[in-house]
């Protein structure tokens, strides 16, 4: 299901920014994810790679990336579906 990211994407980020549990690294990852969604013209399911998300979010170390990415899943912002096939990217669903 596609959603209008111009309005809903901004509302999604506004909700995240008002959540006291999130810090700058969480927000940076969410901005990177929504940026990829815009580029892919997708609304809810985004194809991602760790290296691309790390580059866009300016997170330089894998442990930092994994820590905050996992917390976003636990907080209910994203649902991550890994792909173990080299020809297919993993996906993230915005919740």
N, C-alpha and C. Protein backbone atom coordinates (compact mmCIF):
# COMPACT_ATOMS: atom_id res chain seq x y z
N UNK A 1 0.84 -1.18 0.00
CA UNK A 1 0.00 0.00 0.00
C UNK A 1 0.88 1.24 0.00
N UNK A 2 0.71 2.09 -0.98
CA UNK A 2 1.47 3.34 -1.03
C UNK A 2 0.75 4.41 -0.22
N UNK A 3 1.55 5.22 0.46
CA UNK A 3 0.99 6.34 1.19
C UNK A 3 1.66 7.61 0.69
N UNK A 4 1.02 8.72 0.87
CA UNK A 4 1.55 10.00 0.43
C UNK A 4 2.64 10.45 1.41
N UNK A 5 3.89 10.26 1.00
CA UNK A 5 5.00 10.59 1.89
C UNK A 5 5.15 12.07 2.13
N UNK A 6 4.69 12.90 1.23
CA UNK A 6 4.85 14.34 1.43
C UNK A 6 4.16 14.80 2.71
N UNK A 7 3.04 14.20 3.04
CA UNK A 7 2.32 14.56 4.26
C UNK A 7 2.58 13.56 5.37
N UNK A 8 2.39 12.27 5.08
CA UNK A 8 2.53 11.24 6.11
C UNK A 8 3.97 11.05 6.56
N UNK A 9 4.94 11.23 5.65
CA UNK A 9 6.34 11.11 6.02
C UNK A 9 6.74 12.18 7.00
N UNK A 10 6.25 13.39 6.78
CA UNK A 10 6.55 14.49 7.69
C UNK A 10 5.87 14.25 9.04
N UNK A 11 4.67 13.78 9.03
CA UNK A 11 3.95 13.48 10.28
C UNK A 11 4.66 12.35 11.03
N UNK A 12 5.14 11.36 10.30
CA UNK A 12 5.88 10.24 10.89
C UNK A 12 7.12 10.76 11.61
N UNK A 13 7.86 11.65 10.96
CA UNK A 13 9.06 12.21 11.57
C UNK A 13 8.72 13.15 12.72
N UNK A 14 7.64 13.90 12.60
CA UNK A 14 7.21 14.77 13.71
C UNK A 14 6.89 13.94 14.96
N UNK A 15 6.20 12.82 14.76
CA UNK A 15 5.88 11.94 15.89
C UNK A 15 7.16 11.40 16.53
N UNK A 16 8.11 11.02 15.69
CA UNK A 16 9.38 10.49 16.21
C UNK A 16 10.14 11.56 16.98
N UNK A 17 10.15 12.78 16.48
CA UNK A 17 10.89 13.86 17.14
C UNK A 17 10.30 14.21 18.50
N UNK A 18 9.03 13.95 18.70
CA UNK A 18 8.40 14.26 19.97
C UNK A 18 8.49 13.10 20.98
N UNK A 19 9.06 11.98 20.56
CA UNK A 19 9.22 10.81 21.43
C UNK A 19 10.49 10.97 22.26
N UNK A 20 10.35 11.08 23.57
CA UNK A 20 11.49 11.30 24.47
C UNK A 20 12.46 10.12 24.52
N UNK A 21 12.04 8.96 24.06
CA UNK A 21 12.93 7.80 24.07
C UNK A 21 13.99 7.88 22.98
N UNK A 22 13.73 8.67 21.94
CA UNK A 22 14.62 8.72 20.79
C UNK A 22 15.66 9.82 20.93
N UNK A 23 16.86 9.53 20.42
CA UNK A 23 17.92 10.53 20.40
C UNK A 23 18.31 10.83 18.95
N UNK A 24 19.39 11.56 18.78
CA UNK A 24 19.80 12.01 17.46
C UNK A 24 20.11 10.84 16.51
N UNK A 25 20.62 9.74 17.04
CA UNK A 25 20.94 8.59 16.17
C UNK A 25 19.68 7.90 15.67
N UNK A 26 18.67 7.79 16.52
CA UNK A 26 17.39 7.23 16.08
C UNK A 26 16.79 8.10 14.97
N UNK A 27 16.77 9.41 15.22
CA UNK A 27 16.17 10.34 14.25
C UNK A 27 16.94 10.30 12.94
N UNK A 28 18.26 10.23 13.03
CA UNK A 28 19.09 10.17 11.83
C UNK A 28 18.76 8.93 11.00
N UNK A 29 18.58 7.80 11.65
CA UNK A 29 18.20 6.58 10.93
C UNK A 29 16.81 6.70 10.31
N UNK A 30 15.87 7.28 11.04
CA UNK A 30 14.52 7.44 10.50
C UNK A 30 14.51 8.39 9.31
N UNK A 31 15.31 9.44 9.37
CA UNK A 31 15.41 10.36 8.23
C UNK A 31 16.01 9.63 7.03
N UNK A 32 17.04 8.81 7.26
CA UNK A 32 17.65 8.05 6.18
C UNK A 32 16.64 7.08 5.55
N UNK A 33 15.85 6.42 6.39
CA UNK A 33 14.85 5.48 5.89
C UNK A 33 13.78 6.21 5.07
N UNK A 34 13.28 7.34 5.57
CA UNK A 34 12.26 8.06 4.82
C UNK A 34 12.84 8.67 3.54
N UNK A 35 14.10 9.04 3.57
CA UNK A 35 14.74 9.55 2.34
C UNK A 35 14.78 8.46 1.28
N UNK A 36 15.14 7.24 1.69
CA UNK A 36 15.13 6.13 0.74
C UNK A 36 13.71 5.86 0.23
N UNK A 37 12.72 5.98 1.09
CA UNK A 37 11.34 5.78 0.67
C UNK A 37 10.96 6.78 -0.41
N UNK A 38 11.33 8.05 -0.21
CA UNK A 38 11.06 9.06 -1.23
C UNK A 38 11.74 8.71 -2.54
N UNK A 39 13.01 8.35 -2.46
CA UNK A 39 13.76 8.03 -3.68
C UNK A 39 13.19 6.81 -4.41
N UNK A 40 12.67 5.87 -3.66
CA UNK A 40 12.10 4.67 -4.26
C UNK A 40 10.63 4.85 -4.62
N UNK A 41 10.08 6.00 -4.28
CA UNK A 41 8.67 6.29 -4.52
C UNK A 41 7.77 5.24 -3.86
N UNK A 42 8.15 4.89 -2.65
CA UNK A 42 7.41 3.91 -1.87
C UNK A 42 6.80 4.59 -0.67
N UNK A 43 5.77 3.98 -0.14
CA UNK A 43 5.12 4.56 1.00
C UNK A 43 5.39 3.84 2.31
N UNK A 44 5.40 2.55 2.27
CA UNK A 44 5.49 1.83 3.52
C UNK A 44 6.61 0.79 3.53
N UNK A 45 6.85 0.09 2.43
CA UNK A 45 7.88 -0.95 2.35
C UNK A 45 9.06 -0.38 1.56
N UNK A 46 10.22 -0.35 2.22
CA UNK A 46 11.41 0.25 1.61
C UNK A 46 12.50 -0.81 1.53
N UNK A 47 13.14 -0.90 0.37
CA UNK A 47 14.27 -1.82 0.20
C UNK A 47 15.52 -1.10 0.69
N UNK A 48 16.28 -1.77 1.55
CA UNK A 48 17.42 -1.11 2.18
C UNK A 48 18.65 -2.01 2.21
N UNK A 49 19.79 -1.36 2.41
CA UNK A 49 21.02 -2.05 2.73
C UNK A 49 21.66 -1.33 3.91
N UNK A 50 22.34 -2.08 4.73
CA UNK A 50 22.97 -1.49 5.91
C UNK A 50 23.98 -0.41 5.52
N UNK A 51 24.78 -0.70 4.52
CA UNK A 51 25.81 0.27 4.12
C UNK A 51 25.20 1.58 3.65
N UNK A 52 24.11 1.50 2.91
CA UNK A 52 23.46 2.72 2.43
C UNK A 52 22.84 3.51 3.57
N UNK A 53 22.17 2.82 4.50
CA UNK A 53 21.58 3.50 5.64
C UNK A 53 22.65 4.14 6.52
N UNK A 54 23.76 3.44 6.70
CA UNK A 54 24.84 4.00 7.51
C UNK A 54 25.42 5.25 6.86
N UNK A 55 25.57 5.21 5.56
CA UNK A 55 26.13 6.37 4.85
C UNK A 55 25.19 7.57 4.93
N UNK A 56 23.92 7.36 4.65
CA UNK A 56 22.95 8.47 4.65
C UNK A 56 22.77 9.03 6.05
N UNK A 57 22.78 8.16 7.08
CA UNK A 57 22.54 8.63 8.44
C UNK A 57 23.81 9.13 9.13
N UNK A 58 24.94 9.01 8.46
CA UNK A 58 26.24 9.46 9.01
C UNK A 58 26.63 8.69 10.27
N UNK A 59 26.25 7.43 10.31
CA UNK A 59 26.68 6.55 11.40
C UNK A 59 27.86 5.74 10.87
N UNK A 60 29.00 5.85 11.57
CA UNK A 60 30.24 5.28 11.04
C UNK A 60 30.57 3.88 11.55
N UNK A 61 29.98 3.46 12.66
CA UNK A 61 30.34 2.15 13.20
C UNK A 61 29.13 1.22 13.22
N UNK A 62 29.40 -0.04 12.90
CA UNK A 62 28.32 -1.03 12.85
C UNK A 62 27.66 -1.25 14.21
N UNK A 63 28.41 -1.29 15.32
CA UNK A 63 27.73 -1.48 16.61
C UNK A 63 26.74 -0.36 16.92
N UNK A 64 27.10 0.88 16.62
CA UNK A 64 26.18 2.00 16.84
C UNK A 64 24.95 1.85 15.97
N UNK A 65 25.15 1.53 14.71
CA UNK A 65 24.03 1.33 13.79
C UNK A 65 23.09 0.24 14.31
N UNK A 66 23.64 -0.91 14.66
CA UNK A 66 22.80 -2.03 15.09
C UNK A 66 22.06 -1.72 16.39
N UNK A 67 22.71 -1.02 17.30
CA UNK A 67 22.06 -0.68 18.57
C UNK A 67 20.81 0.16 18.34
N UNK A 68 20.93 1.23 17.58
CA UNK A 68 19.81 2.15 17.40
C UNK A 68 18.78 1.60 16.41
N UNK A 69 19.23 0.83 15.44
CA UNK A 69 18.31 0.19 14.50
C UNK A 69 17.42 -0.81 15.25
N UNK A 70 18.02 -1.59 16.14
CA UNK A 70 17.26 -2.56 16.93
C UNK A 70 16.27 -1.85 17.86
N UNK A 71 16.69 -0.74 18.45
CA UNK A 71 15.79 0.00 19.32
C UNK A 71 14.59 0.55 18.55
N UNK A 72 14.80 1.01 17.32
CA UNK A 72 13.68 1.48 16.51
C UNK A 72 12.67 0.36 16.27
N UNK A 73 13.17 -0.86 16.11
CA UNK A 73 12.27 -2.00 15.96
C UNK A 73 11.51 -2.25 17.26
N UNK A 74 12.24 -2.23 18.37
CA UNK A 74 11.62 -2.49 19.67
C UNK A 74 10.60 -1.42 20.05
N UNK A 75 10.84 -0.18 19.66
CA UNK A 75 9.93 0.93 19.96
C UNK A 75 8.72 0.95 19.02
N UNK A 76 8.72 0.12 17.99
CA UNK A 76 7.56 0.03 17.10
C UNK A 76 7.54 1.02 15.95
N UNK A 77 8.69 1.56 15.59
CA UNK A 77 8.74 2.50 14.47
C UNK A 77 8.92 1.80 13.14
N UNK A 78 9.65 0.69 13.15
CA UNK A 78 9.92 -0.04 11.91
C UNK A 78 9.79 -1.53 12.14
N UNK A 79 9.53 -2.24 11.05
CA UNK A 79 9.58 -3.70 11.05
C UNK A 79 10.62 -4.07 10.00
N UNK A 80 11.64 -4.79 10.42
CA UNK A 80 12.74 -5.16 9.54
C UNK A 80 12.58 -6.60 9.10
N UNK A 81 12.66 -6.82 7.79
CA UNK A 81 12.58 -8.17 7.22
C UNK A 81 13.88 -8.42 6.45
N UNK A 82 14.80 -9.19 7.05
CA UNK A 82 16.09 -9.41 6.38
C UNK A 82 15.95 -10.33 5.18
N UNK A 83 16.83 -10.13 4.22
CA UNK A 83 16.91 -11.01 3.06
C UNK A 83 18.30 -11.64 3.07
N UNK A 84 18.32 -12.93 3.03
CA UNK A 84 19.61 -13.63 3.04
C UNK A 84 20.04 -14.01 1.62
N UNK A 85 19.26 -13.60 0.65
CA UNK A 85 19.58 -13.86 -0.75
C UNK A 85 20.41 -12.71 -1.29
N UNK A 86 21.54 -12.99 -1.93
CA UNK A 86 22.40 -11.90 -2.40
C UNK A 86 21.76 -11.02 -3.49
N UNK A 87 20.75 -11.52 -4.15
CA UNK A 87 20.11 -10.75 -5.21
C UNK A 87 18.94 -9.88 -4.75
N UNK A 88 18.55 -10.02 -3.50
CA UNK A 88 17.40 -9.29 -2.99
C UNK A 88 17.80 -8.49 -1.75
N UNK A 89 17.32 -7.27 -1.69
CA UNK A 89 17.61 -6.43 -0.53
C UNK A 89 16.62 -6.72 0.58
N UNK A 90 17.07 -6.42 1.80
CA UNK A 90 16.18 -6.51 2.95
C UNK A 90 15.16 -5.38 2.85
N UNK A 91 14.08 -5.50 3.60
CA UNK A 91 13.04 -4.47 3.56
C UNK A 91 12.76 -3.96 4.97
N UNK A 92 12.29 -2.73 5.01
CA UNK A 92 11.82 -2.11 6.23
C UNK A 92 10.40 -1.63 5.98
N UNK A 93 9.53 -1.93 6.92
CA UNK A 93 8.16 -1.42 6.85
C UNK A 93 8.01 -0.34 7.91
N UNK A 94 7.52 0.82 7.49
CA UNK A 94 7.23 1.90 8.44
C UNK A 94 5.93 1.59 9.13
N UNK A 95 5.95 1.60 10.45
CA UNK A 95 4.75 1.24 11.22
C UNK A 95 4.05 2.49 11.74
